[in-house]
PDB file of N, CA and C in Angstrom:
ATOM      1  N   GLY A   1      90.635 103.020 101.140  1.00  0.00           N
ATOM      2  CA  GLY A   1      90.702 104.096 102.088  1.00  0.00           C
ATOM      3  C   GLY A   1      92.116 104.288 102.603  1.00  0.00           C
ATOM      4  N   ASN A   2      92.255 105.162 103.551  1.00  0.00           N
ATOM      5  CA  ASN A   2      93.542 105.469 104.161  1.00  0.00           C
ATOM      6  C   ASN A   2      93.851 104.477 105.277  1.00  0.00           C
ATOM      7  N   ALA A   3      95.144 104.222 105.518  1.00  0.00           N
ATOM      8  CA  ALA A   3      95.542 103.289 106.566  1.00  0.00           C
ATOM      9  C   ALA A   3      96.791 103.798 107.270  1.00  0.00           C
ATOM     10  N   SER A   4      96.899 103.439 108.558  1.00  0.00           N
ATOM     11  CA  SER A   4      98.051 103.779 109.372  1.00  0.00           C
ATOM     12  C   SER A   4      98.501 102.509 110.084  1.00  0.00           C
ATOM     13  N   ILE A   5      99.796 102.178 109.972  1.00  0.00           N
ATOM     14  CA  ILE A   5     100.339 100.956 110.561  1.00  0.00           C
ATOM     15  C   ILE A   5     101.525 101.325 111.440  1.00  0.00           C
ATOM     16  N   THR A   6     101.520 100.836 112.681  1.00  0.00           N
ATOM     17  CA  THR A   6     102.660 101.005 113.576  1.00  0.00           C
ATOM     18  C   THR A   6     103.322  99.648 113.743  1.00  0.00           C
ATOM     19  N   LEU A   7     104.592  99.562 113.364  1.00  0.00           N
ATOM     20  CA  LEU A   7     105.325  98.313 113.455  1.00  0.00           C
ATOM     21  C   LEU A   7     105.794  98.082 114.888  1.00  0.00           C
ATOM     22  N   PRO A   8     105.977  96.816 115.294  1.00  0.00           N
ATOM     23  CA  PRO A   8     106.343  96.507 116.683  1.00  0.00           C
ATOM     24  C   PRO A   8     107.778  96.903 117.023  1.00  0.00           C
ATOM     25  N   ALA A   9     108.015  97.184 118.298  1.00  0.00           N
ATOM     26  CA  ALA A   9     109.336  97.617 118.753  1.00  0.00           C
ATOM     27  C   ALA A   9     110.180  96.461 119.293  1.00  0.00           C
ATOM     28  N   THR A  10     109.568  95.341 119.619  1.00  0.00           N
ATOM     29  CA  THR A  10     110.319  94.222 120.190  1.00  0.00           C
ATOM     30  C   THR A  10     110.083  92.934 119.409  1.00  0.00           C
ATOM     31  N   TRP A  11     111.172  92.214 119.139  1.00  0.00           N
ATOM     32  CA  TRP A  11     111.168  90.942 118.427  1.00  0.00           C
ATOM     33  C   TRP A  11     112.606  90.484 118.318  1.00  0.00           C
ATOM     34  N   LYS A  12     112.847  89.344 117.749  1.00  0.00           N
ATOM     35  CA  LYS A  12     114.219  88.887 117.492  1.00  0.00           C
ATOM     36  C   LYS A  12     114.631  89.259 116.072  1.00  0.00           C
ATOM     37  N   SER A  13     113.845  88.850 115.125  1.00  0.00           N
ATOM     38  CA  SER A  13     114.090  89.179 113.722  1.00  0.00           C
ATOM     39  C   SER A  13     112.732  89.102 113.045  1.00  0.00           C
ATOM     40  N   LEU A  14     112.426  90.078 112.209  1.00  0.00           N
ATOM     41  CA  LEU A  14     111.070  90.167 111.680  1.00  0.00           C
ATOM     42  C   LEU A  14     111.075  90.585 110.220  1.00  0.00           C
ATOM     43  N   SER A  15     110.256  89.900 109.424  1.00  0.00           N
ATOM     44  CA  SER A  15     110.010  90.304 108.030  1.00  0.00           C
ATOM     45  C   SER A  15     108.542  90.683 107.922  1.00  0.00           C
ATOM     46  N   VAL A  16     108.295  91.845 107.322  1.00  0.00           N
ATOM     47  CA  VAL A  16     106.938  92.368 107.194  1.00  0.00           C
ATOM     48  C   VAL A  16     106.651  92.641 105.729  1.00  0.00           C
ATOM     49  N   ASN A  17     105.515  92.155 105.245  1.00  0.00           N
ATOM     50  CA  ASN A  17     105.049  92.463 103.886  1.00  0.00           C
ATOM     51  C   ASN A  17     103.767  93.262 104.002  1.00  0.00           C
ATOM     52  N   ILE A  18     103.742  94.435 103.368  1.00  0.00           N
ATOM     53  CA  ILE A  18     102.569  95.301 103.394  1.00  0.00           C
ATOM     54  C   ILE A  18     102.111  95.524 101.964  1.00  0.00           C
ATOM     55  N   ASN A  19     100.875  95.140 101.685  1.00  0.00           N
ATOM     56  CA  ASN A  19     100.294  95.333 100.359  1.00  0.00           C
ATOM     57  C   ASN A  19      99.168  96.346 100.469  1.00  0.00           C
ATOM     58  N   GLY A  20      99.395  97.530  99.889  1.00  0.00           N
ATOM     59  CA  GLY A  20      98.377  98.568  99.903  1.00  0.00           C
ATOM     60  C   GLY A  20      97.726  98.659  98.534  1.00  0.00           C
ATOM     61  N   GLY A  21      96.505  99.061  98.517  1.00  0.00           N
ATOM     62  CA  GLY A  21      95.790  99.200  97.256  1.00  0.00           C
ATOM     63  C   GLY A  21      95.653 100.659  96.880  1.00  0.00           C
ATOM     64  N   THR A  22      94.513 101.247  97.245  1.00  0.00           N
ATOM     65  CA  THR A  22      94.218 102.634  96.931  1.00  0.00           C
ATOM     66  C   THR A  22      94.019 103.410  98.219  1.00  0.00           C
ATOM     67  N   GLY A  23      94.639 104.565  98.314  1.00  0.00           N
ATOM     68  CA  GLY A  23      94.510 105.420  99.494  1.00  0.00           C
ATOM     69  C   GLY A  23      95.869 105.742 100.059  1.00  0.00           C
ATOM     70  N   ASN A  24      95.900 106.664 100.982  1.00  0.00           N
ATOM     71  CA  ASN A  24      97.153 107.058 101.614  1.00  0.00           C
ATOM     72  C   ASN A  24      97.537 106.043 102.681  1.00  0.00           C
ATOM     73  N   LEU A  25      98.843 105.776 102.780  1.00  0.00           N
ATOM     74  CA  LEU A  25      99.350 104.789 103.726  1.00  0.00           C
ATOM     75  C   LEU A  25     100.458 105.413 104.560  1.00  0.00           C
ATOM     76  N   GLU A  26     100.312 105.351 105.889  1.00  0.00           N
ATOM     77  CA  GLU A  26     101.330 105.818 106.823  1.00  0.00           C
ATOM     78  C   GLU A  26     101.878 104.604 107.553  1.00  0.00           C
ATOM     79  N   ILE A  27     103.221 104.501 107.587  1.00  0.00           N
ATOM     80  CA  ILE A  27     103.864 103.405 108.308  1.00  0.00           C
ATOM     81  C   ILE A  27     104.809 104.016 109.335  1.00  0.00           C
ATOM     82  N   PHE A  28     104.639 103.613 110.591  1.00  0.00           N
ATOM     83  CA  PHE A  28     105.468 104.118 111.676  1.00  0.00           C
ATOM     84  C   PHE A  28     106.441 103.029 112.105  1.00  0.00           C
ATOM     85  N   VAL A  29     107.742 103.345 112.057  1.00  0.00           N
ATOM     86  CA  VAL A  29     108.798 102.440 112.481  1.00  0.00           C
ATOM     87  C   VAL A  29     109.338 102.957 113.805  1.00  0.00           C
ATOM     88  N   PRO A  30     109.353 102.129 114.857  1.00  0.00           N
ATOM     89  CA  PRO A  30     109.841 102.599 116.148  1.00  0.00           C
ATOM     90  C   PRO A  30     111.297 103.062 116.094  1.00  0.00           C
ATOM     91  N   GLN A  31     111.604 104.135 116.831  1.00  0.00           N
ATOM     92  CA  GLN A  31     112.973 104.637 116.940  1.00  0.00           C
ATOM     93  C   GLN A  31     113.853 103.527 117.491  1.00  0.00           C
ATOM     94  N   GLY A  32     115.074 103.437 117.031  1.00  0.00           N
ATOM     95  CA  GLY A  32     116.020 102.457 117.534  1.00  0.00           C
ATOM     96  C   GLY A  32     115.900 101.080 116.902  1.00  0.00           C
ATOM     97  N   VAL A  33     114.902 100.875 116.078  1.00  0.00           N
ATOM     98  CA  VAL A  33     114.742  99.594 115.395  1.00  0.00           C
ATOM     99  C   VAL A  33     115.501  99.657 114.072  1.00  0.00           C
ATOM    100  N   GLU A  34     116.495  98.789 113.920  1.00  0.00           N
ATOM    101  CA  GLU A  34     117.272  98.762 112.678  1.00  0.00           C
ATOM    102  C   GLU A  34     116.416  98.114 111.601  1.00  0.00           C
ATOM    103  N   THR A  35     116.221  98.831 110.500  1.00  0.00           N
ATOM    104  CA  THR A  35     115.222  98.439 109.519  1.00  0.00           C
ATOM    105  C   THR A  35     115.714  98.619 108.089  1.00  0.00           C
ATOM    106  N   LEU A  36     115.361  97.648 107.243  1.00  0.00           N
ATOM    107  CA  LEU A  36     115.572  97.720 105.798  1.00  0.00           C
ATOM    108  C   LEU A  36     114.193  97.810 105.164  1.00  0.00           C
ATOM    109  N   ILE A  37     114.015  98.764 104.240  1.00  0.00           N
ATOM    110  CA  ILE A  37     112.704  98.995 103.627  1.00  0.00           C
ATOM    111  C   ILE A  37     112.833  98.919 102.111  1.00  0.00           C
ATOM    112  N   ASP A  38     112.077  98.001 101.497  1.00  0.00           N
ATOM    113  CA  ASP A  38     111.987  97.901 100.034  1.00  0.00           C
ATOM    114  C   ASP A  38     110.611  98.394  99.626  1.00  0.00           C
ATOM    115  N   ILE A  39     110.572  99.309  98.654  1.00  0.00           N
ATOM    116  CA  ILE A  39     109.323  99.957  98.270  1.00  0.00           C
ATOM    117  C   ILE A  39     109.045  99.746  96.785  1.00  0.00           C
ATOM    118  N   ASP A  40     107.807  99.351  96.484  1.00  0.00           N
ATOM    119  CA  ASP A  40     107.320  99.272  95.106  1.00  0.00           C
ATOM    120  C   ASP A  40     106.020 100.074  95.072  1.00  0.00           C
ATOM    121  N   THR A  41     106.039 101.219  94.388  1.00  0.00           N
ATOM    122  CA  THR A  41     104.860 102.084  94.376  1.00  0.00           C
ATOM    123  C   THR A  41     104.378 102.345  92.958  1.00  0.00           C
ATOM    124  N   GLY A  42     103.146 102.787  92.881  1.00  0.00           N
ATOM    125  CA  GLY A  42     102.547 103.155  91.599  1.00  0.00           C
ATOM    126  C   GLY A  42     102.406 104.669  91.521  1.00  0.00           C
ATOM    127  N   ILE A  43     101.177 105.146  91.650  1.00  0.00           N
ATOM    128  CA  ILE A  43     100.874 106.572  91.531  1.00  0.00           C
ATOM    129  C   ILE A  43     100.770 107.186  92.918  1.00  0.00           C
ATOM    130  N   GLY A  44     101.504 108.277  93.150  1.00  0.00           N
ATOM    131  CA  GLY A  44     101.469 108.974  94.431  1.00  0.00           C
ATOM    132  C   GLY A  44     102.867 109.351  94.874  1.00  0.00           C
ATOM    133  N   ASN A  45     102.929 110.134  95.922  1.00  0.00           N
ATOM    134  CA  ASN A  45     104.213 110.576  96.472  1.00  0.00           C
ATOM    135  C   ASN A  45     104.678 109.625  97.566  1.00  0.00           C
ATOM    136  N   THR A  46     105.993 109.451  97.657  1.00  0.00           N
ATOM    137  CA  THR A  46     106.586 108.640  98.714  1.00  0.00           C
ATOM    138  C   THR A  46     107.528 109.518  99.528  1.00  0.00           C
ATOM    139  N   THR A  47     107.343 109.504 100.845  1.00  0.00           N
ATOM    140  CA  THR A  47     108.199 110.241 101.761  1.00  0.00           C
ATOM    141  C   THR A  47     108.767 109.256 102.771  1.00  0.00           C
ATOM    142  N   VAL A  48     110.099 109.257 102.925  1.00  0.00           N
ATOM    143  CA  VAL A  48     110.763 108.344 103.847  1.00  0.00           C
ATOM    144  C   VAL A  48     111.535 109.172 104.876  1.00  0.00           C
ATOM    145  N   ASP A  49     111.358 108.840 106.150  1.00  0.00           N
ATOM    146  CA  ASP A  49     112.033 109.527 107.252  1.00  0.00           C
ATOM    147  C   ASP A  49     113.540 109.600 106.984  1.00  0.00           C
ATOM    148  N   SER A  50     114.146 110.705 107.378  1.00  0.00           N
ATOM    149  CA  SER A  50     115.557 110.948 107.083  1.00  0.00           C
ATOM    150  C   SER A  50     116.508 109.991 107.801  1.00  0.00           C
ATOM    151  N   ARG A  51     116.053 109.243 108.798  1.00  0.00           N
ATOM    152  CA  ARG A  51     116.954 108.296 109.458  1.00  0.00           C
ATOM    153  C   ARG A  51     117.225 107.065 108.601  1.00  0.00           C
ATOM    154  N   PHE A  52     116.491 106.919 107.503  1.00  0.00           N
ATOM    155  CA  PHE A  52     116.703 105.820 106.563  1.00  0.00           C
ATOM    156  C   PHE A  52     117.426 106.354 105.327  1.00  0.00           C
ATOM    157  N   ALA A  53     118.622 105.857 105.094  1.00  0.00           N
ATOM    158  CA  ALA A  53     119.406 106.278 103.933  1.00  0.00           C
ATOM    159  C   ALA A  53     118.983 105.477 102.707  1.00  0.00           C
ATOM    160  N   LYS A  54     118.950 106.161 101.571  1.00  0.00           N
ATOM    161  CA  LYS A  54     118.637 105.480 100.312  1.00  0.00           C
ATOM    162  C   LYS A  54     119.880 104.695  99.882  1.00  0.00           C
ATOM    163  N   ILE A  55     119.768 103.353  99.789  1.00  0.00           N
ATOM    164  CA  ILE A  55     120.918 102.525  99.437  1.00  0.00           C
ATOM    165  C   ILE A  55     120.790 101.905  98.051  1.00  0.00           C
ATOM    166  N   ALA A  56     119.612 102.005  97.460  1.00  0.00           N
ATOM    167  CA  ALA A  56     119.361 101.545  96.084  1.00  0.00           C
ATOM    168  C   ALA A  56     118.140 102.301  95.583  1.00  0.00           C
ATOM    169  N   GLU A  57     117.754 102.040  94.344  1.00  0.00           N
ATOM    170  CA  GLU A  57     116.652 102.783  93.709  1.00  0.00           C
ATOM    171  C   GLU A  57     115.409 102.887  94.597  1.00  0.00           C
ATOM    172  N   ASN A  58     114.940 101.790  95.154  1.00  0.00           N
ATOM    173  CA  ASN A  58     113.731 101.785  95.976  1.00  0.00           C
ATOM    174  C   ASN A  58     113.969 101.131  97.334  1.00  0.00           C
ATOM    175  N   THR A  59     115.196 101.214  97.822  1.00  0.00           N
ATOM    176  CA  THR A  59     115.556 100.555  99.077  1.00  0.00           C
ATOM    177  C   THR A  59     116.202 101.550 100.035  1.00  0.00           C
ATOM    178  N   TYR A  60     115.773 101.487 101.294  1.00  0.00           N
ATOM    179  CA  TYR A  60     116.260 102.374 102.343  1.00  0.00           C
ATOM    180  C   TYR A  60     116.666 101.531 103.548  1.00  0.00           C
ATOM    181  N   ALA A  61     117.651 102.016 104.318  1.00  0.00           N
ATOM    182  CA  ALA A  61     118.080 101.287 105.509  1.00  0.00           C
ATOM    183  C   ALA A  61     118.514 102.254 106.601  1.00  0.00           C
ATOM    184  N   SER A  62     118.292 101.833 107.848  1.00  0.00           N
ATOM    185  CA  SER A  62     118.817 102.600 108.978  1.00  0.00           C
ATOM    186  C   SER A  62     120.313 102.330 109.078  1.00  0.00           C
ATOM    187  N   SER A  63     121.028 103.206 109.749  1.00  0.00           N
ATOM    188  CA  SER A  63     122.497 103.164 109.740  1.00  0.00           C
ATOM    189  C   SER A  63     123.082 101.895 110.343  1.00  0.00           C
ATOM    190  N   GLY A  64     122.416 101.281 111.293  1.00  0.00           N
ATOM    191  CA  GLY A  64     122.967 100.089 111.938  1.00  0.00           C
ATOM    192  C   GLY A  64     122.402  98.778 111.440  1.00  0.00           C
ATOM    193  N   TYR A  65     121.662  98.812 110.354  1.00  0.00           N
ATOM    194  CA  TYR A  65     120.986  97.593 109.881  1.00  0.00           C
ATOM    195  C   TYR A  65     121.961  96.455 109.589  1.00  0.00           C
ATOM    196  N   ASP A  66     123.028  96.729 108.876  1.00  0.00           N
ATOM    197  CA  ASP A  66     123.945  95.666 108.452  1.00  0.00           C
ATOM    198  C   ASP A  66     124.587  94.919 109.615  1.00  0.00           C
ATOM    199  N   THR A  67     124.826  95.584 110.726  1.00  0.00           N
ATOM    200  CA  THR A  67     125.515  94.950 111.843  1.00  0.00           C
ATOM    201  C   THR A  67     124.590  94.519 112.974  1.00  0.00           C
ATOM    202  N   ALA A  68     123.314  94.833 112.887  1.00  0.00           N
ATOM    203  CA  ALA A  68     122.366  94.514 113.963  1.00  0.00           C
ATOM    204  C   ALA A  68     122.044  93.024 114.000  1.00  0.00           C
ATOM    205  N   THR A  69     121.893  92.505 115.199  1.00  0.00           N
ATOM    206  CA  THR A  69     121.462  91.123 115.386  1.00  0.00           C
ATOM    207  C   THR A  69     119.945  91.037 115.254  1.00  0.00           C
ATOM    208  N   ASP A  70     119.253  91.937 115.934  1.00  0.00           N
ATOM    209  CA  ASP A  70     117.795  92.015 115.851  1.00  0.00           C
ATOM    210  C   ASP A  70     117.439  93.141 114.892  1.00  0.00           C
ATOM    211  N   LYS A  71     116.739  92.788 113.820  1.00  0.00           N
ATOM    212  CA  LYS A  71     116.408  93.800 112.814  1.00  0.00           C
ATOM    213  C   LYS A  71     115.126  93.437 112.093  1.00  0.00           C
ATOM    214  N   MET A  72     114.599  94.408 111.377  1.00  0.00           N
ATOM    215  CA  MET A  72     113.340  94.244 110.668  1.00  0.00           C
ATOM    216  C   MET A  72     113.539  94.518 109.181  1.00  0.00           C
ATOM    217  N   SER A  73     112.909  93.684 108.371  1.00  0.00           N
ATOM    218  CA  SER A  73     112.888  93.882 106.926  1.00  0.00           C
ATOM    219  C   SER A  73     111.438  94.130 106.522  1.00  0.00           C
ATOM    220  N   VAL A  74     111.211  95.234 105.817  1.00  0.00           N
ATOM    221  CA  VAL A  74     109.848  95.616 105.444  1.00  0.00           C
ATOM    222  C   VAL A  74     109.759  95.732 103.925  1.00  0.00           C
ATOM    223  N   LYS A  75     108.803  95.016 103.330  1.00  0.00           N
ATOM    224  CA  LYS A  75     108.541  95.126 101.894  1.00  0.00           C
ATOM    225  C   LYS A  75     107.164  95.742 101.723  1.00  0.00           C
ATOM    226  N   ILE A  76     107.118  96.829 100.947  1.00  0.00           N
ATOM    227  CA  ILE A  76     105.869  97.568 100.764  1.00  0.00           C
ATOM    228  C   ILE A  76     105.522  97.601  99.290  1.00  0.00           C
ATOM    229  N   ASP A  77     104.313  97.177  98.981  1.00  0.00           N
ATOM    230  CA  ASP A  77     103.768  97.244  97.629  1.00  0.00           C
ATOM    231  C   ASP A  77     102.516  98.108  97.727  1.00  0.00           C
ATOM    232  N   HIS A  78     102.605  99.333  97.212  1.00  0.00           N
ATOM    233  CA  HIS A  78     101.490 100.280  97.337  1.00  0.00           C
ATOM    234  C   HIS A  78     101.177 100.847  95.957  1.00  0.00           C
ATOM    235  N   ARG A  79      99.976 100.698  95.508  1.00  0.00           N
ATOM    236  CA  ARG A  79      99.598 101.041  94.130  1.00  0.00           C
ATOM    237  C   ARG A  79      99.228 102.507  93.921  1.00  0.00           C
ATOM    238  N   VAL A  80      98.217 103.010  94.604  1.00  0.00           N
ATOM    239  CA  VAL A  80      97.737 104.373  94.345  1.00  0.00           C
ATOM    240  C   VAL A  80      97.543 105.115  95.659  1.00  0.00           C
ATOM    241  N   GLY A  81      98.178 106.279  95.776  1.00  0.00           N
ATOM    242  CA  GLY A  81      98.057 107.098  96.985  1.00  0.00           C
ATOM    243  C   GLY A  81      99.434 107.416  97.538  1.00  0.00           C
ATOM    244  N   ASN A  82      99.458 108.321  98.481  1.00  0.00           N
ATOM    245  CA  ASN A  82     100.719 108.736  99.089  1.00  0.00           C
ATOM    246  C   ASN A  82     101.177 107.700 100.112  1.00  0.00           C
ATOM    247  N   LEU A  83     102.501 107.527 100.191  1.00  0.00           N
ATOM    248  CA  LEU A  83     103.110 106.622 101.158  1.00  0.00           C
ATOM    249  C   LEU A  83     104.062 107.431 102.025  1.00  0.00           C
ATOM    250  N   ASN A  84     103.857 107.391 103.334  1.00  0.00           N
ATOM    251  CA  ASN A  84     104.718 108.100 104.284  1.00  0.00           C
ATOM    252  C   ASN A  84     105.276 107.100 105.285  1.00  0.00           C
ATOM    253  N   ILE A  85     106.619 107.050 105.378  1.00  0.00           N
ATOM    254  CA  ILE A  85     107.286 106.177 106.331  1.00  0.00           C
ATOM    255  C   ILE A  85     107.972 107.081 107.350  1.00  0.00           C
ATOM    256  N   MET A  86     107.582 106.919 108.627  1.00  0.00           N
ATOM    257  CA  MET A  86     108.044 107.821 109.672  1.00  0.00           C
ATOM    258  C   MET A  86     108.559 107.035 110.880  1.00  0.00           C
ATOM    259  N   SER A  87     109.420 107.675 111.660  1.00  0.00           N
ATOM    260  CA  SER A  87     109.882 107.103 112.917  1.00  0.00           C
ATOM    261  C   SER A  87     108.948 107.544 114.020  1.00  0.00           C
ATOM    262  N   LYS A  88     108.772 106.655 114.996  1.00  0.00           N
ATOM    263  CA  LYS A  88     107.872 106.988 116.114  1.00  0.00           C
ATOM    264  C   LYS A  88     108.507 106.540 117.412  1.00  0.00           C
TER     265      LYS A  88
END
């Protein structure tokens, strides 16, 4: 089925692994959270919020990620369905 995940806004340093199977997946990243996103997808469309720059084939990062002390790393493995990554 479909799923919606909102990532936390407060932490020191966080690594998140998300494994999706079949269905549409929405991931909300809080504004101001410096984030690196690695994506491995199968069938479906992937949309990534414009605040994340594409830095490699399937990798996106917010502008301050490299210099941030507190930051989040997100790895997404999604097989079938649309993937939408948005700021909230």
